[in-house]
Amino acid sequence: MNNNAAVNFNDMAQVRRVDLNALRESLAVAGRVRFIQQYESGRGDYTQEKYQRKELSLSEIDELLRKKQK
């Protein structure tokens, strides 16, 4: 199905709807999920954030896990 003539490419919500409909017609649920996961960008800046996190010692990790179990 060719919807290019009817799609307003300046309306990203419409483009996304057409794209998802095309995926729905061609792939099963698991295939659609895998396809979409390839293009989701996530949030934040992992490279910068990983250096801002405090490194935990094994005893600190153990303490956190024990607290979660309570």
N, C-alpha and C. Protein backbone atom coordinates (compact mmCIF):
# COMPACT_ATOMS: atom_id res chain seq x y z
N MET A 1 0.84 -1.18 0.00
CA MET A 1 0.00 0.00 0.00
C MET A 1 0.88 1.24 0.00
N ASN A 2 0.69 2.12 -0.95
CA ASN A 2 1.52 3.31 -1.08
C ASN A 2 0.73 4.53 -0.65
N ASN A 3 1.05 5.05 0.54
CA ASN A 3 0.34 6.21 1.09
C ASN A 3 1.10 7.50 0.91
N ASN A 4 2.21 7.51 0.18
CA ASN A 4 3.05 8.70 0.06
C ASN A 4 2.28 9.91 -0.41
N ALA A 5 1.37 9.75 -1.37
CA ALA A 5 0.63 10.89 -1.93
C ALA A 5 -0.27 11.51 -0.87
N ALA A 6 -0.76 10.74 0.08
CA ALA A 6 -1.71 11.25 1.06
C ALA A 6 -1.05 11.69 2.36
N VAL A 7 0.26 11.52 2.49
CA VAL A 7 0.93 11.82 3.76
C VAL A 7 1.50 13.23 3.73
N ASN A 8 1.20 13.98 4.79
CA ASN A 8 1.81 15.30 4.97
C ASN A 8 3.11 15.07 5.75
N PHE A 9 4.24 15.12 5.07
CA PHE A 9 5.52 14.80 5.71
C PHE A 9 5.98 15.87 6.69
N ASN A 10 5.26 16.98 6.78
CA ASN A 10 5.55 17.99 7.80
C ASN A 10 4.84 17.68 9.11
N ASP A 11 3.89 16.75 9.07
CA ASP A 11 3.14 16.34 10.27
C ASP A 11 3.73 15.02 10.76
N MET A 12 4.65 15.12 11.72
CA MET A 12 5.37 13.93 12.17
C MET A 12 4.45 12.91 12.83
N ALA A 13 3.37 13.34 13.46
CA ALA A 13 2.42 12.40 14.05
C ALA A 13 1.76 11.57 12.95
N GLN A 14 1.43 12.21 11.85
CA GLN A 14 0.81 11.48 10.73
C GLN A 14 1.83 10.52 10.11
N VAL A 15 3.04 10.97 9.93
CA VAL A 15 4.08 10.11 9.37
C VAL A 15 4.27 8.88 10.25
N ARG A 16 4.31 9.09 11.56
CA ARG A 16 4.49 7.98 12.49
C ARG A 16 3.32 7.00 12.41
N ARG A 17 2.08 7.53 12.30
CA ARG A 17 0.91 6.65 12.17
C ARG A 17 1.00 5.79 10.91
N VAL A 18 1.37 6.41 9.79
CA VAL A 18 1.50 5.66 8.54
C VAL A 18 2.60 4.61 8.66
N ASP A 19 3.72 5.00 9.27
CA ASP A 19 4.82 4.05 9.46
C ASP A 19 4.40 2.87 10.32
N LEU A 20 3.73 3.14 11.43
CA LEU A 20 3.29 2.06 12.32
C LEU A 20 2.27 1.16 11.64
N ASN A 21 1.39 1.74 10.83
CA ASN A 21 0.42 0.92 10.08
C ASN A 21 1.14 0.00 9.10
N ALA A 22 2.18 0.51 8.44
CA ALA A 22 2.95 -0.32 7.52
C ALA A 22 3.63 -1.46 8.26
N LEU A 23 4.18 -1.17 9.44
CA LEU A 23 4.80 -2.22 10.25
C LEU A 23 3.77 -3.25 10.68
N ARG A 24 2.59 -2.76 11.09
CA ARG A 24 1.51 -3.64 11.55
C ARG A 24 1.10 -4.61 10.43
N GLU A 25 1.09 -4.11 9.19
CA GLU A 25 0.70 -4.96 8.06
C GLU A 25 1.78 -5.96 7.70
N SER A 26 3.05 -5.65 8.00
CA SER A 26 4.14 -6.51 7.54
C SER A 26 4.78 -7.40 8.59
N LEU A 27 4.69 -7.02 9.86
CA LEU A 27 5.39 -7.76 10.90
C LEU A 27 4.45 -8.18 12.02
N ALA A 28 4.79 -9.29 12.66
CA ALA A 28 4.07 -9.70 13.86
C ALA A 28 4.49 -8.79 15.01
N VAL A 29 3.85 -8.91 16.15
CA VAL A 29 4.12 -8.03 17.29
C VAL A 29 5.60 -8.03 17.68
N ALA A 30 6.20 -9.20 17.81
CA ALA A 30 7.60 -9.28 18.23
C ALA A 30 8.51 -8.58 17.21
N GLY A 31 8.23 -8.74 15.95
CA GLY A 31 9.02 -8.09 14.91
C GLY A 31 8.88 -6.58 14.96
N ARG A 32 7.67 -6.10 15.22
CA ARG A 32 7.45 -4.65 15.32
C ARG A 32 8.21 -4.07 16.50
N VAL A 33 8.16 -4.77 17.62
CA VAL A 33 8.86 -4.29 18.82
C VAL A 33 10.36 -4.22 18.55
N ARG A 34 10.91 -5.26 17.97
CA ARG A 34 12.35 -5.26 17.68
C ARG A 34 12.73 -4.15 16.72
N PHE A 35 11.90 -3.93 15.71
CA PHE A 35 12.18 -2.87 14.74
C PHE A 35 12.18 -1.50 15.42
N ILE A 36 11.16 -1.24 16.22
CA ILE A 36 11.04 0.05 16.88
C ILE A 36 12.17 0.26 17.88
N GLN A 37 12.58 -0.78 18.58
CA GLN A 37 13.68 -0.66 19.55
C GLN A 37 14.98 -0.23 18.88
N GLN A 38 15.16 -0.56 17.63
CA GLN A 38 16.37 -0.17 16.92
C GLN A 38 16.47 1.34 16.75
N TYR A 39 15.32 2.02 16.71
CA TYR A 39 15.31 3.44 16.38
C TYR A 39 14.91 4.35 17.52
N GLU A 40 14.60 3.80 18.68
CA GLU A 40 14.30 4.63 19.83
C GLU A 40 15.62 5.13 20.39
N SER A 41 15.71 6.42 20.64
CA SER A 41 17.00 7.00 21.03
C SER A 41 17.28 6.99 22.52
N GLY A 42 16.28 6.77 23.34
CA GLY A 42 16.52 6.80 24.78
C GLY A 42 16.61 8.21 25.29
N ARG A 43 17.03 8.37 26.51
CA ARG A 43 17.08 9.68 27.15
C ARG A 43 18.44 9.91 27.78
N GLY A 44 18.81 11.15 27.91
CA GLY A 44 20.02 11.51 28.63
C GLY A 44 21.29 11.28 27.83
N ASP A 45 22.40 11.50 28.51
CA ASP A 45 23.72 11.32 27.91
C ASP A 45 24.47 10.29 28.75
N TYR A 46 24.38 9.03 28.36
CA TYR A 46 24.97 7.95 29.14
C TYR A 46 26.47 8.16 29.35
N THR A 47 27.18 8.60 28.32
CA THR A 47 28.62 8.76 28.41
C THR A 47 28.99 9.73 29.52
N GLN A 48 28.27 10.83 29.62
CA GLN A 48 28.54 11.81 30.66
C GLN A 48 28.03 11.32 32.01
N GLU A 49 26.84 10.75 32.04
CA GLU A 49 26.22 10.35 33.30
C GLU A 49 26.96 9.21 34.00
N LYS A 50 27.58 8.31 33.23
CA LYS A 50 28.25 7.18 33.88
C LYS A 50 29.43 7.64 34.73
N TYR A 51 30.02 8.77 34.40
CA TYR A 51 31.13 9.28 35.19
C TYR A 51 30.66 10.11 36.38
N GLN A 52 29.40 10.50 36.39
CA GLN A 52 28.86 11.29 37.50
C GLN A 52 28.36 10.40 38.63
N ARG A 53 28.08 9.14 38.31
CA ARG A 53 27.60 8.22 39.34
C ARG A 53 28.74 7.83 40.27
N LYS A 54 28.38 7.69 41.53
CA LYS A 54 29.36 7.26 42.52
C LYS A 54 29.59 5.75 42.37
N GLU A 55 30.84 5.35 42.37
CA GLU A 55 31.18 3.93 42.36
C GLU A 55 30.85 3.36 43.74
N LEU A 56 30.12 2.28 43.78
CA LEU A 56 29.75 1.67 45.05
C LEU A 56 30.69 0.52 45.39
N SER A 57 30.99 0.41 46.67
CA SER A 57 31.80 -0.73 47.12
C SER A 57 30.87 -1.94 47.23
N LEU A 58 31.46 -3.11 47.37
CA LEU A 58 30.66 -4.33 47.52
C LEU A 58 29.80 -4.27 48.78
N SER A 59 30.35 -3.70 49.86
CA SER A 59 29.56 -3.61 51.10
C SER A 59 28.38 -2.66 50.93
N GLU A 60 28.55 -1.58 50.18
CA GLU A 60 27.44 -0.65 49.92
C GLU A 60 26.36 -1.31 49.07
N ILE A 61 26.78 -2.08 48.09
CA ILE A 61 25.82 -2.81 47.25
C ILE A 61 25.06 -3.83 48.10
N ASP A 62 25.78 -4.54 48.95
CA ASP A 62 25.16 -5.51 49.83
C ASP A 62 24.13 -4.84 50.74
N GLU A 63 24.49 -3.70 51.29
CA GLU A 63 23.57 -2.97 52.16
C GLU A 63 22.31 -2.54 51.41
N LEU A 64 22.47 -2.03 50.19
CA LEU A 64 21.30 -1.62 49.40
C LEU A 64 20.40 -2.81 49.10
N LEU A 65 20.99 -3.94 48.76
CA LEU A 65 20.19 -5.13 48.46
C LEU A 65 19.43 -5.63 49.70
N ARG A 66 20.08 -5.58 50.84
CA ARG A 66 19.43 -6.01 52.09
C ARG A 66 18.24 -5.09 52.42
N LYS A 67 18.40 -3.80 52.18
CA LYS A 67 17.31 -2.85 52.44
C LYS A 67 16.12 -3.13 51.52
N LYS A 68 16.39 -3.49 50.27
CA LYS A 68 15.31 -3.78 49.32
C LYS A 68 14.55 -5.04 49.69
N GLN A 69 15.22 -5.98 50.32
CA GLN A 69 14.58 -7.23 50.70
C GLN A 69 13.62 -7.08 51.87
N LYS A 70 13.79 -6.03 52.65
CA LYS A 70 12.93 -5.82 53.84
C LYS A 70 11.56 -5.36 53.47
